[in-house]
Amino acid sequence: MKTIFLKYKKPIIIITSVIILQIIFGFDPKFLIINLIWLLV
């Protein structure tokens, strides 16, 4: 379990921060899509 978390630590942190920003500043689909594409590349 710990090795899985360490492997995906950066994406997990990025996804949670993106979700928090979406909640704070209101939902922006363009921003969400850009971040998801950036994560997958």
Protein backbone atom coordinates (compact mmCIF):
# COMPACT_ATOMS: atom_id res chain seq x y z
CA MET A 1 0.00 0.00 0.00
CA LYS A 2 2.79 2.41 0.91
CA THR A 3 4.68 1.75 -2.34
CA ILE A 4 1.50 2.45 -4.35
CA PHE A 5 1.05 5.76 -2.52
CA LEU A 6 4.68 6.73 -3.08
CA LYS A 7 4.40 5.87 -6.79
CA TYR A 8 1.24 7.97 -7.22
CA LYS A 9 2.02 10.63 -4.60
CA LYS A 10 2.37 13.50 -7.08
CA PRO A 11 -0.90 12.80 -9.01
CA ILE A 12 -2.81 12.35 -5.73
CA ILE A 13 -1.55 15.70 -4.42
CA ILE A 14 -2.30 17.43 -7.75
CA ILE A 15 -5.83 15.97 -7.97
CA THR A 16 -6.69 16.94 -4.38
CA SER A 17 -5.32 20.48 -4.85
CA VAL A 18 -7.28 20.84 -8.12
CA ILE A 19 -10.49 19.73 -6.36
CA ILE A 20 -9.85 22.19 -3.50
CA LEU A 21 -9.23 25.04 -5.98
CA GLN A 22 -12.44 24.11 -7.85
CA ILE A 23 -14.41 24.34 -4.57
CA ILE A 24 -12.80 27.66 -3.54
CA PHE A 25 -13.02 29.50 -6.89
CA GLY A 26 -16.11 27.81 -8.31
CA PHE A 27 -16.24 25.04 -10.89
CA ASP A 28 -14.38 25.74 -14.14
CA PRO A 29 -14.59 22.87 -16.67
CA LYS A 30 -11.80 24.25 -18.89
CA PHE A 31 -9.41 24.43 -15.94
CA LEU A 32 -10.35 20.89 -14.89
CA ILE A 33 -9.85 19.45 -18.40
CA ILE A 34 -6.48 21.20 -18.83
CA ASN A 35 -5.26 19.79 -15.51
CA LEU A 36 -6.47 16.27 -16.32
CA ILE A 37 -4.75 16.32 -19.71
CA TRP A 38 -1.58 17.66 -18.06
CA LEU A 39 -1.72 14.80 -15.54
CA LEU A 40 -2.15 12.11 -18.18
CA VAL A 41 0.73 13.35 -20.38
